Amino acid sequence: MYFAALLARTEDGWEASDTELDDVETLSDLTDLARDASVDEDTVLVYIEQEDAWFGVVRVDGEEDPRIYVSDASAAARSSYGEILLTDELLGREPGAEDEIAALEELVGLDEDDEPDEAEDTGDARAGTAGLDPDQDPDTVPAGPLGDLGLLSDLGLSEKDLLTLRTDALAEIADALGAADVLEAVR
């Protein structure tokens, strides 16, 4: 089960709202959703959690690029909403690397006549791929936290505190921001 909330900073403090992510397919969509909730291009935090598995925070400040933190990248990678947060940049991959890898894997096993070669016949599709380590999966996502550890530091939650959050992380984040009461109203 997923829960998502927006926390938007205003002159009077924070405004909270739960949000539906049904129409969100990309990080750009999520960023646009946050910017739409922004008051005077101030900070908006998007919080997404999958119960007892992982949580993610996306910080959007005006027109700046979003900053992202994910508590457990490998768990998030198995989630459709988590995949939105795990960008190539966050994972340290070249942009479009997944497309290139998929294209290479499709070509693996074809000889000059576009016929399957021995590597495909033996079921080892990576055996004929030059430059790829057959023991290393290019789609591997690291376990544990990933992203901008300092994204909440100026708002009252240190890097160390962010790393120690596990269950009910949103309540602890909201408490550090002074937004616990407004968050409780939408939960």
Protein backbone atom coordinates (compact mmCIF):
# COMPACT_ATOMS: atom_id res chain seq x y z
CA MET A 1 0.00 0.00 0.00
CA TYR A 2 1.25 3.46 -0.90
CA PHE A 3 0.79 6.83 0.72
CA ALA A 4 1.78 10.12 -0.87
CA ALA A 5 1.63 13.63 0.55
CA LEU A 6 2.66 17.12 -0.45
CA LEU A 7 4.05 19.61 2.06
CA ALA A 8 4.17 23.14 0.65
CA ARG A 9 5.88 25.95 2.55
CA THR A 10 3.96 29.21 2.75
CA GLU A 11 4.37 32.53 4.57
CA ASP A 12 2.21 31.11 7.38
CA GLY A 13 4.04 27.79 7.71
CA TRP A 14 3.36 24.52 5.92
CA GLU A 15 0.29 23.29 4.07
CA ALA A 16 -0.19 19.56 3.71
CA SER A 17 -2.29 17.54 1.31
CA ASP A 18 -2.47 13.90 0.42
CA THR A 19 -2.15 13.34 -3.27
CA GLU A 20 -3.01 10.79 -5.87
CA LEU A 21 -0.20 9.60 -8.10
CA ASP A 22 -2.38 7.83 -10.67
CA ASP A 23 -1.48 10.30 -13.43
CA VAL A 24 2.21 10.50 -12.49
CA GLU A 25 4.44 8.47 -14.79
CA THR A 26 7.75 10.34 -14.69
CA LEU A 27 9.83 12.48 -12.37
CA SER A 28 8.88 15.43 -14.57
CA ASP A 29 5.18 14.74 -13.88
CA LEU A 30 5.89 14.55 -10.16
CA THR A 31 7.89 17.80 -10.28
CA ASP A 32 5.04 19.53 -12.13
CA LEU A 33 2.59 18.30 -9.47
CA ALA A 34 4.81 19.80 -6.77
CA ARG A 35 5.21 23.10 -8.60
CA ASP A 36 1.43 23.34 -9.01
CA ALA A 37 1.11 23.06 -5.20
CA SER A 38 3.81 25.68 -4.61
CA VAL A 39 2.97 29.08 -3.19
CA ASP A 40 5.17 31.80 -4.70
CA GLU A 41 7.66 29.17 -5.95
CA ASP A 42 8.56 28.24 -2.39
CA THR A 43 9.70 24.78 -1.26
CA VAL A 44 7.44 21.78 -1.81
CA LEU A 45 8.21 18.31 -0.50
CA VAL A 46 6.65 15.27 -2.09
CA TYR A 47 6.65 12.26 0.21
CA ILE A 48 5.96 8.75 -1.08
CA GLU A 49 6.05 5.59 0.99
CA GLN A 50 5.36 1.95 0.43
CA GLU A 51 4.34 0.54 3.77
CA ASP A 52 7.27 -1.02 5.64
CA ALA A 53 9.44 -1.21 2.51
CA TRP A 54 10.78 2.23 1.55
CA PHE A 55 10.06 5.94 1.40
CA GLY A 56 11.19 8.74 -0.83
CA VAL A 57 11.28 12.51 -0.57
CA VAL A 58 11.45 14.85 -3.54
CA ARG A 59 12.22 18.49 -2.83
CA VAL A 60 11.24 21.09 -5.39
CA ASP A 61 12.39 24.70 -4.91
CA GLY A 62 10.91 26.93 -7.60
CA GLU A 63 12.37 26.15 -11.01
CA GLU A 64 15.45 24.34 -9.67
CA ASP A 65 15.97 20.67 -10.47
CA PRO A 66 14.28 18.37 -7.97
CA ARG A 67 16.39 16.87 -5.20
CA ILE A 68 15.66 13.26 -4.31
CA TYR A 69 16.25 10.91 -1.40
CA VAL A 70 15.14 7.25 -1.31
CA SER A 71 15.46 5.22 1.90
CA ASP A 72 16.01 1.87 0.14
CA ALA A 73 16.79 2.05 -3.56
CA SER A 74 16.59 -1.69 -4.25
CA ALA A 75 13.13 -1.93 -2.65
CA ALA A 76 11.99 1.20 -4.51
CA ALA A 77 13.21 -0.29 -7.82
CA ARG A 78 10.59 -3.01 -7.45
CA SER A 79 7.84 -0.40 -7.22
CA SER A 80 6.26 1.59 -10.04
CA TYR A 81 6.38 4.78 -7.95
CA GLY A 82 9.91 4.04 -6.80
CA GLU A 83 11.08 3.68 -10.38
CA ILE A 84 9.94 7.26 -10.98
CA LEU A 85 12.42 8.48 -8.36
CA LEU A 86 15.35 6.31 -9.43
CA THR A 87 16.64 8.40 -12.30
CA ASP A 88 19.78 7.59 -14.28
CA GLU A 89 21.50 10.54 -12.61
CA LEU A 90 20.58 9.32 -9.12
CA LEU A 91 21.83 5.83 -9.96
CA GLY A 92 25.08 7.16 -11.45
CA ARG A 93 24.27 5.91 -14.94
CA GLU A 94 24.70 7.70 -18.21
CA PRO A 95 21.34 9.11 -19.34
CA GLY A 96 19.71 6.64 -21.69
CA ALA A 97 21.98 3.81 -20.52
CA GLU A 98 19.00 1.49 -20.04
CA ASP A 99 18.00 2.02 -23.69
CA GLU A 100 21.55 1.29 -24.85
CA ILE A 101 21.75 -1.83 -22.70
CA ALA A 102 18.41 -3.08 -24.01
CA ALA A 103 19.56 -2.49 -27.60
CA LEU A 104 22.84 -4.34 -26.95
CA GLU A 105 21.03 -7.25 -25.34
CA GLU A 106 18.74 -7.46 -28.35
CA LEU A 107 21.75 -7.63 -30.68
CA VAL A 108 23.63 -10.14 -28.55
CA GLY A 109 23.64 -13.55 -30.10
CA LEU A 110 23.35 -12.41 -33.73
CA ASP A 111 26.19 -13.08 -36.14
CA GLU A 112 26.96 -11.06 -39.29
CA ASP A 113 23.99 -12.61 -41.12
CA ASP A 114 21.58 -11.69 -38.26
CA GLU A 115 21.35 -15.36 -37.39
CA PRO A 116 21.57 -16.63 -33.82
CA ASP A 117 25.15 -17.57 -32.93
CA GLU A 118 26.36 -20.20 -30.49
CA ALA A 119 26.04 -17.88 -27.49
CA GLU A 120 22.28 -17.67 -27.95
CA ASP A 121 22.02 -21.41 -28.66
CA THR A 122 23.57 -22.15 -25.27
CA GLY A 123 21.20 -19.73 -23.58
CA ASP A 124 24.01 -17.36 -22.56
CA ALA A 125 22.85 -14.13 -24.19
CA ARG A 126 25.66 -12.10 -22.62
CA ALA A 127 28.50 -14.36 -23.76
CA GLY A 128 28.84 -12.57 -27.09
CA THR A 129 28.67 -9.01 -25.68
CA ALA A 130 32.04 -7.28 -25.84
CA GLY A 131 32.84 -4.97 -22.94
CA LEU A 132 30.10 -6.21 -20.60
CA ASP A 133 30.95 -8.21 -17.51
CA PRO A 134 28.66 -11.27 -17.73
CA ASP A 135 28.57 -11.47 -13.92
CA GLN A 136 27.46 -7.85 -13.45
CA ASP A 137 23.83 -6.94 -14.08
CA PRO A 138 23.72 -3.39 -15.49
CA ASP A 139 20.26 -2.93 -14.03
CA THR A 140 21.41 -3.60 -10.45
CA VAL A 141 20.24 -0.96 -8.00
CA PRO A 142 22.16 -0.57 -4.75
CA ALA A 143 20.49 -1.62 -1.51
CA GLY A 144 19.99 1.02 1.12
CA PRO A 145 19.67 4.80 1.01
CA LEU A 146 20.37 6.75 -2.16
CA GLY A 147 20.22 10.40 -3.08
CA ASP A 148 20.66 13.81 -1.53
CA LEU A 149 21.17 13.27 2.20
CA GLY A 150 21.18 17.01 2.85
CA LEU A 151 17.87 17.80 1.18
CA LEU A 152 16.18 18.50 4.54
CA SER A 153 19.17 19.81 6.52
CA ASP A 154 18.20 23.47 6.22
CA LEU A 155 14.65 22.56 7.28
CA GLY A 156 15.65 20.96 10.59
CA LEU A 157 16.39 17.32 9.74
CA SER A 158 20.09 16.44 9.62
CA GLU A 159 21.65 13.90 7.27
CA LYS A 160 22.21 11.54 10.20
CA ASP A 161 18.57 11.83 11.28
CA LEU A 162 17.36 11.21 7.73
CA LEU A 163 19.44 8.04 7.50
CA THR A 164 17.97 6.67 10.74
CA LEU A 165 14.31 7.08 9.70
CA ARG A 166 12.52 3.80 9.11
CA THR A 167 8.86 3.42 10.05
CA ASP A 168 6.58 6.44 10.20
CA ALA A 169 9.26 8.56 8.58
CA LEU A 170 6.75 11.13 7.33
CA ALA A 171 5.61 11.93 10.88
CA GLU A 172 9.21 12.47 11.97
CA ILE A 173 9.96 14.64 8.94
CA ALA A 174 6.80 16.70 9.53
CA ASP A 175 7.69 17.05 13.21
CA ALA A 176 11.16 18.37 12.33
CA LEU A 177 9.57 20.85 9.89
CA GLY A 178 6.97 21.98 12.42
CA ALA A 179 4.24 20.60 10.17
CA ALA A 180 3.01 17.67 12.27
CA ASP A 181 -0.42 19.20 12.95
CA VAL A 182 -1.17 20.04 9.31
CA LEU A 183 0.02 16.62 8.20
CA GLU A 184 -2.15 14.84 10.76
CA ALA A 185 -5.18 16.62 9.27
CA VAL A 186 -4.64 14.91 5.88
CA ARG A 187 -3.62 11.50 7.13
